[in-house]
Protein backbone atom coordinates (compact mmCIF):
# COMPACT_ATOMS: atom_id res chain seq x y z
CA MET A 1 35.84 -1.61 -60.99
CA ASN A 2 37.37 -2.00 -64.21
CA ARG A 3 36.16 1.37 -64.84
CA TRP A 4 37.13 2.49 -61.65
CA TYR A 5 40.72 1.00 -61.94
CA LEU A 6 40.84 2.77 -65.73
CA ILE A 7 39.56 6.69 -64.19
CA MET A 8 42.51 6.03 -61.43
CA SER A 9 44.93 5.63 -64.14
CA LEU A 10 44.48 7.76 -66.53
CA LEU A 11 44.53 10.66 -63.59
CA THR A 12 47.76 9.64 -62.12
CA VAL A 13 49.17 9.32 -66.49
CA MET A 14 47.79 12.66 -66.10
CA LEU A 15 49.55 13.69 -63.01
CA LEU A 16 52.79 12.09 -64.22
CA ALA A 17 52.60 13.92 -67.51
CA THR A 18 52.21 17.12 -66.51
CA SER A 19 54.97 17.00 -63.34
CA CYS A 20 57.18 15.84 -66.35
CA PHE A 21 57.21 19.13 -68.02
CA ALA A 22 57.96 21.94 -65.55
CA ILE A 23 60.32 24.21 -66.61
CA SER A 24 63.46 25.75 -65.41
CA PRO A 25 65.08 29.03 -66.39
CA THR A 26 68.14 28.76 -67.75
CA SER A 27 69.15 32.51 -67.05
CA PRO A 28 69.14 34.02 -63.87
CA PRO A 29 65.86 35.59 -62.97
CA ALA A 30 65.13 39.63 -63.26
CA GLY A 31 66.88 41.68 -60.98
CA GLU A 32 68.70 39.39 -58.88
CA LEU A 33 72.15 40.81 -57.01
CA GLU A 34 75.10 38.79 -56.33
CA ILE A 35 77.83 39.72 -53.75
CA LEU A 36 81.05 39.94 -55.28
CA SER A 37 83.22 40.36 -52.28
CA HIS A 38 83.54 41.77 -49.24
CA SER A 39 85.99 42.85 -46.74
CA MET A 40 86.06 44.71 -43.17
CA THR A 41 88.51 47.14 -42.07
CA ARG A 42 88.92 48.86 -38.68
CA ARG A 43 90.09 52.30 -38.48
CA ASP A 44 92.42 54.57 -36.07
CA SER A 45 89.18 56.29 -35.29
CA GLY A 46 87.34 52.73 -33.81
CA THR A 47 84.88 53.12 -36.92
CA VAL A 48 84.31 49.62 -38.64
CA GLU A 49 83.78 49.78 -42.95
CA VAL A 50 82.52 46.76 -44.69
CA GLN A 51 83.53 47.24 -48.33
CA VAL A 52 80.88 45.42 -50.57
CA THR A 53 81.21 44.70 -54.13
CA VAL A 54 77.73 43.65 -55.70
CA LYS A 55 76.30 42.90 -59.17
CA ASN A 56 73.36 42.81 -61.05
CA VAL A 57 73.35 38.74 -62.88
CA GLY A 58 69.60 39.22 -63.59
CA SER A 59 68.83 40.06 -67.01
CA SER A 60 66.99 43.47 -66.59
CA THR A 61 67.92 46.33 -64.75
CA ILE A 62 67.37 46.69 -60.86
CA GLU A 63 65.17 49.26 -60.69
CA LEU A 64 66.29 49.57 -56.46
CA ALA A 65 69.34 47.32 -55.14
CA GLN A 66 69.80 47.72 -51.38
CA VAL A 67 72.76 46.12 -49.11
CA LYS A 68 71.98 45.86 -45.36
CA VAL A 69 75.21 45.31 -42.99
CA ASN A 70 75.07 43.84 -39.54
CA PHE A 71 77.58 44.23 -37.12
CA TYR A 72 77.88 41.69 -34.61
CA ASP A 73 80.14 41.39 -31.49
CA LEU A 74 82.28 37.53 -30.36
CA GLN A 75 78.94 36.91 -28.39
CA GLY A 76 76.68 36.99 -31.93
CA ASN A 77 74.71 40.01 -30.23
CA LEU A 78 73.86 42.67 -32.92
CA ILE A 79 75.68 45.88 -32.24
CA PHE A 80 74.78 47.78 -35.34
CA SER A 81 72.76 47.79 -38.36
CA SER A 82 73.16 50.25 -41.84
CA SER A 83 72.11 50.13 -45.60
CA ASP A 84 72.96 51.87 -48.74
CA ALA A 85 71.36 52.05 -51.82
CA VAL A 86 71.73 52.53 -55.37
CA MET A 87 68.80 52.55 -58.27
CA ASN A 88 68.99 51.38 -61.71
CA LEU A 89 71.71 49.00 -61.75
CA ARG A 90 71.72 47.35 -65.35
CA ALA A 91 71.93 43.92 -65.83
CA GLY A 92 76.02 42.93 -65.30
CA GLU A 93 76.80 46.14 -63.47
CA ASN A 94 78.57 46.35 -60.72
CA TRP A 95 78.11 48.82 -57.64
CA SER A 96 80.93 48.96 -55.20
CA PHE A 97 80.55 51.03 -51.96
CA GLU A 98 81.01 50.91 -48.01
CA ILE A 99 79.01 50.75 -45.15
CA ALA A 100 80.07 52.14 -41.78
CA CYS A 101 79.60 51.41 -37.81
CA PRO A 102 80.31 54.16 -36.18
CA GLY A 103 80.31 55.02 -32.77
CA ALA A 104 82.03 53.76 -29.17
CA SER A 105 80.23 50.24 -29.51
CA CYS A 106 81.58 49.36 -32.60
CA ASP A 107 85.20 49.15 -31.54
CA GLN A 108 83.34 45.50 -30.44
CA VAL A 109 82.70 44.63 -33.59
CA LYS A 110 83.93 40.71 -34.43
CA ASN A 111 81.52 39.71 -37.53
CA TYR A 112 78.98 40.91 -39.89
CA GLU A 113 76.07 40.02 -42.08
CA ILE A 114 75.58 40.80 -45.59
CA GLU A 115 71.93 40.97 -46.70
CA ALA A 116 71.31 42.29 -50.46
CA MET A 117 67.93 42.72 -52.20
CA ALA A 118 66.53 43.75 -55.11
CA ALA A 119 63.19 45.61 -56.75
CA THR A 120 62.00 45.46 -60.57
CA SER A 121 59.22 46.74 -61.69
CA SER A 122 58.06 43.04 -61.91
CA GLY A 123 59.24 42.26 -58.46
CA GLY A 124 60.01 43.81 -54.80
CA LEU A 125 61.99 44.27 -51.35
């Protein structure tokens, strides 16, 4: 019985010891996009545009940075979706661009959602 208790105690100590040494990164991971700013503009033609600025806050070049904008009506129904991409966005570099919602139904746009994705040689979209 004492032997069983000793084995269980050793296993518990080993598990606690390994969990105490978990490593957490102090810098952003490689290839991470941060959305710095965004705003929506409605043109006289009925086109809605979203101006977006993103930044590579990671430690390495993002081989493919992609941003997708979903446009919604007042009830939250998806009206249109569009995306833009840039290659080789270096660490610390900003990328500013516009994504448009063209067409007759885009005059119903009341809200939008932005998705940012980054791909490096060590990761994927």
